[in-house]
N, C-alpha and C. Protein backbone atom coordinates (compact mmCIF):
# COMPACT_ATOMS: atom_id res chain seq x y z
N MET A 1 4.53 321.29 -108.92
CA MET A 1 4.29 320.41 -107.78
C MET A 1 4.45 318.96 -108.22
N ILE A 2 5.05 318.21 -107.38
CA ILE A 2 5.25 316.80 -107.65
C ILE A 2 4.12 316.02 -107.00
N PRO A 3 3.40 315.21 -107.78
CA PRO A 3 2.31 314.41 -107.19
C PRO A 3 2.85 313.35 -106.23
N ARG A 4 2.08 313.06 -105.21
CA ARG A 4 2.45 312.04 -104.25
C ARG A 4 2.00 310.65 -104.70
N ARG A 5 1.06 310.61 -105.63
CA ARG A 5 0.53 309.33 -106.13
C ARG A 5 0.66 309.26 -107.65
N TYR A 6 0.82 308.07 -108.18
CA TYR A 6 0.97 307.86 -109.61
C TYR A 6 -0.26 308.37 -110.38
N ASP A 7 -1.46 308.15 -109.85
CA ASP A 7 -2.69 308.53 -110.54
C ASP A 7 -2.87 310.04 -110.66
N ASP A 8 -2.09 310.82 -109.94
CA ASP A 8 -2.21 312.28 -109.96
C ASP A 8 -1.26 312.93 -110.95
N LYS A 9 -0.85 312.21 -111.97
CA LYS A 9 0.10 312.76 -112.95
C LYS A 9 -0.59 313.39 -114.16
N ALA A 10 -1.91 313.56 -114.11
CA ALA A 10 -2.63 314.18 -115.22
C ALA A 10 -2.25 315.66 -115.30
N ASN A 11 -2.47 316.26 -116.46
CA ASN A 11 -2.05 317.63 -116.70
C ASN A 11 -3.24 318.57 -116.86
N ASP A 12 -4.31 318.34 -116.10
CA ASP A 12 -5.47 319.22 -116.18
C ASP A 12 -5.55 320.07 -114.91
N LEU A 13 -6.37 321.11 -114.97
CA LEU A 13 -6.45 322.07 -113.87
C LEU A 13 -6.94 321.43 -112.58
N TRP A 14 -7.94 320.54 -112.68
CA TRP A 14 -8.50 319.91 -111.48
C TRP A 14 -7.46 319.05 -110.76
N THR A 15 -6.72 318.25 -111.50
CA THR A 15 -5.68 317.41 -110.89
C THR A 15 -4.58 318.27 -110.29
N THR A 16 -4.18 319.32 -111.00
CA THR A 16 -3.16 320.22 -110.48
C THR A 16 -3.63 320.87 -109.18
N PHE A 17 -4.90 321.26 -109.14
CA PHE A 17 -5.48 321.82 -107.93
C PHE A 17 -5.40 320.83 -106.77
N ASN A 18 -5.78 319.59 -107.02
CA ASN A 18 -5.78 318.57 -105.97
C ASN A 18 -4.36 318.26 -105.47
N VAL A 19 -3.40 318.19 -106.39
CA VAL A 19 -2.01 317.92 -106.00
C VAL A 19 -1.47 319.08 -105.18
N THR A 20 -1.73 320.31 -105.62
CA THR A 20 -1.29 321.49 -104.88
C THR A 20 -1.90 321.52 -103.50
N GLN A 21 -3.20 321.27 -103.43
CA GLN A 21 -3.90 321.27 -102.15
C GLN A 21 -3.29 320.24 -101.20
N GLU A 22 -3.09 319.04 -101.68
CA GLU A 22 -2.54 317.99 -100.83
C GLU A 22 -1.12 318.33 -100.36
N ASN A 23 -0.28 318.82 -101.26
CA ASN A 23 1.09 319.14 -100.90
C ASN A 23 1.15 320.29 -99.89
N VAL A 24 0.32 321.29 -100.06
CA VAL A 24 0.33 322.42 -99.15
C VAL A 24 -0.21 322.02 -97.78
N ILE A 25 -1.30 321.27 -97.75
CA ILE A 25 -1.92 320.87 -96.48
C ILE A 25 -1.02 319.90 -95.72
N ARG A 26 -0.43 318.94 -96.39
CA ARG A 26 0.39 317.94 -95.72
C ARG A 26 1.79 318.44 -95.36
N GLY A 27 2.25 319.47 -96.05
CA GLY A 27 3.58 320.01 -95.77
C GLY A 27 4.66 319.15 -96.40
N GLY A 28 5.91 319.46 -96.04
CA GLY A 28 7.03 318.70 -96.56
C GLY A 28 7.61 319.24 -97.85
N LEU A 29 7.10 320.39 -98.34
CA LEU A 29 7.67 320.99 -99.54
C LEU A 29 9.03 321.58 -99.18
N ARG A 30 10.00 321.37 -100.02
CA ARG A 30 11.36 321.80 -99.72
C ARG A 30 11.75 322.97 -100.60
N GLY A 31 12.62 323.81 -100.05
CA GLY A 31 13.12 324.95 -100.79
C GLY A 31 14.40 325.45 -100.17
N MET A 32 14.89 326.55 -100.70
CA MET A 32 16.12 327.16 -100.19
C MET A 32 15.81 328.56 -99.70
N LEU A 33 16.36 328.89 -98.56
CA LEU A 33 16.27 330.24 -98.02
C LEU A 33 17.45 331.03 -98.56
N LEU A 34 17.17 332.20 -99.17
CA LEU A 34 18.22 333.01 -99.78
C LEU A 34 18.44 334.29 -98.98
N ASP A 35 19.66 334.81 -99.00
CA ASP A 35 19.93 336.08 -98.36
C ASP A 35 19.66 337.22 -99.35
N GLU A 36 20.00 338.45 -98.97
CA GLU A 36 19.72 339.63 -99.80
C GLU A 36 20.45 339.60 -101.14
N GLN A 37 21.60 338.94 -101.18
CA GLN A 37 22.38 338.86 -102.42
C GLN A 37 21.99 337.66 -103.29
N GLY A 38 21.02 336.91 -102.85
CA GLY A 38 20.57 335.75 -103.62
C GLY A 38 21.37 334.49 -103.36
N ARG A 39 22.22 334.51 -102.34
CA ARG A 39 23.01 333.31 -102.02
C ARG A 39 22.20 332.39 -101.12
N ARG A 40 22.42 331.09 -101.31
CA ARG A 40 21.72 330.11 -100.48
C ARG A 40 22.23 330.17 -99.05
N VAL A 41 21.27 330.23 -98.13
CA VAL A 41 21.62 330.27 -96.72
C VAL A 41 21.40 328.90 -96.08
N ARG A 42 20.20 328.35 -96.30
CA ARG A 42 19.91 327.02 -95.75
C ARG A 42 18.70 326.43 -96.44
N ARG A 43 18.53 325.15 -96.26
CA ARG A 43 17.36 324.45 -96.79
C ARG A 43 16.21 324.59 -95.82
N VAL A 44 15.00 324.74 -96.36
CA VAL A 44 13.82 324.86 -95.52
C VAL A 44 12.76 323.88 -96.00
N SER A 45 11.82 323.57 -95.12
CA SER A 45 10.73 322.66 -95.44
C SER A 45 9.44 323.19 -94.80
N THR A 46 8.32 323.07 -95.52
CA THR A 46 7.05 323.55 -94.98
C THR A 46 6.48 322.56 -93.98
N ARG A 47 5.69 323.10 -93.06
CA ARG A 47 5.03 322.26 -92.07
C ARG A 47 3.60 322.00 -92.50
N ALA A 48 3.03 320.92 -92.00
CA ALA A 48 1.65 320.57 -92.31
C ALA A 48 0.69 321.55 -91.64
N VAL A 49 -0.47 321.74 -92.27
CA VAL A 49 -1.52 322.57 -91.68
C VAL A 49 -2.36 321.66 -90.79
N ASN A 50 -2.42 321.97 -89.50
CA ASN A 50 -3.15 321.13 -88.56
C ASN A 50 -4.43 321.77 -88.05
N GLY A 51 -4.52 323.08 -88.06
CA GLY A 51 -5.69 323.77 -87.53
C GLY A 51 -6.83 323.79 -88.53
N ILE A 52 -8.04 323.61 -88.04
CA ILE A 52 -9.22 323.61 -88.91
C ILE A 52 -9.41 324.97 -89.57
N ASP A 53 -9.25 326.04 -88.80
CA ASP A 53 -9.43 327.38 -89.34
C ASP A 53 -8.43 327.67 -90.47
N GLN A 54 -7.18 327.30 -90.26
CA GLN A 54 -6.16 327.51 -91.28
C GLN A 54 -6.44 326.64 -92.51
N ASP A 55 -6.91 325.44 -92.28
CA ASP A 55 -7.24 324.52 -93.38
C ASP A 55 -8.34 325.11 -94.25
N ILE A 56 -9.40 325.61 -93.63
CA ILE A 56 -10.53 326.18 -94.37
C ILE A 56 -10.08 327.43 -95.12
N LYS A 57 -9.32 328.29 -94.46
CA LYS A 57 -8.84 329.52 -95.09
C LYS A 57 -7.96 329.21 -96.29
N LEU A 58 -7.07 328.24 -96.14
CA LEU A 58 -6.18 327.85 -97.23
C LEU A 58 -6.95 327.23 -98.39
N ASN A 59 -7.91 326.38 -98.09
CA ASN A 59 -8.72 325.76 -99.15
C ASN A 59 -9.53 326.80 -99.91
N LYS A 60 -10.07 327.79 -99.22
CA LYS A 60 -10.81 328.87 -99.90
C LYS A 60 -9.89 329.65 -100.82
N ALA A 61 -8.69 329.96 -100.34
CA ALA A 61 -7.74 330.70 -101.16
C ALA A 61 -7.32 329.90 -102.40
N LEU A 62 -7.09 328.61 -102.22
CA LEU A 62 -6.74 327.75 -103.36
C LEU A 62 -7.88 327.67 -104.37
N TRP A 63 -9.12 327.64 -103.88
CA TRP A 63 -10.27 327.56 -104.78
C TRP A 63 -10.39 328.85 -105.59
N VAL A 64 -10.22 330.00 -104.95
CA VAL A 64 -10.28 331.28 -105.66
C VAL A 64 -9.18 331.34 -106.71
N LEU A 65 -7.99 330.91 -106.35
CA LEU A 65 -6.87 330.88 -107.29
C LEU A 65 -7.18 329.99 -108.50
N SER A 66 -7.75 328.82 -108.25
CA SER A 66 -8.06 327.91 -109.37
C SER A 66 -9.16 328.48 -110.26
N GLN A 67 -10.12 329.19 -109.68
CA GLN A 67 -11.16 329.83 -110.51
C GLN A 67 -10.55 330.90 -111.40
N LYS A 68 -9.64 331.69 -110.87
CA LYS A 68 -8.97 332.73 -111.66
C LYS A 68 -8.14 332.10 -112.78
N MET A 69 -7.45 331.00 -112.47
CA MET A 69 -6.66 330.32 -113.49
C MET A 69 -7.55 329.77 -114.60
N ALA A 70 -8.71 329.23 -114.24
CA ALA A 70 -9.65 328.72 -115.23
C ALA A 70 -10.15 329.86 -116.12
N GLN A 71 -10.40 331.02 -115.53
CA GLN A 71 -10.83 332.18 -116.31
C GLN A 71 -9.73 332.63 -117.27
N LEU A 72 -8.52 332.69 -116.79
CA LEU A 72 -7.40 333.09 -117.64
C LEU A 72 -7.19 332.10 -118.79
N LYS A 73 -7.33 330.83 -118.50
CA LYS A 73 -7.19 329.81 -119.54
C LYS A 73 -8.29 329.93 -120.57
N ALA A 74 -9.52 330.22 -120.12
CA ALA A 74 -10.64 330.38 -121.04
C ALA A 74 -10.42 331.59 -121.96
N ILE A 75 -9.87 332.67 -121.42
CA ILE A 75 -9.59 333.86 -122.22
C ILE A 75 -8.48 333.55 -123.23
N LYS A 76 -7.45 332.84 -122.80
CA LYS A 76 -6.32 332.50 -123.67
C LYS A 76 -6.76 331.59 -124.81
N ASP A 77 -7.66 330.64 -124.51
CA ASP A 77 -8.10 329.67 -125.52
C ASP A 77 -9.21 330.19 -126.41
N ALA A 78 -9.77 331.35 -126.08
CA ALA A 78 -10.87 331.91 -126.90
C ALA A 78 -10.31 332.37 -128.24
N PRO A 79 -11.12 332.22 -129.30
CA PRO A 79 -10.64 332.62 -130.64
C PRO A 79 -10.50 334.11 -130.79
């Protein structure tokens, strides 16, 4: 994920979580739509999340994901 602000260029889990959250909620992420053979069909862009229910659901999912990543990192870094 590309940070939207200069101060968000840190390489820790918390900053990565915040950048991901902001990019997903605000939308505007770009990608390519591929067909069954893997050929590019068209460019696509995500839309912003505007509904409160969707916002809460997405934030909960991101939080669970970040907790799992922290656990995996702790296991990897353990002696």
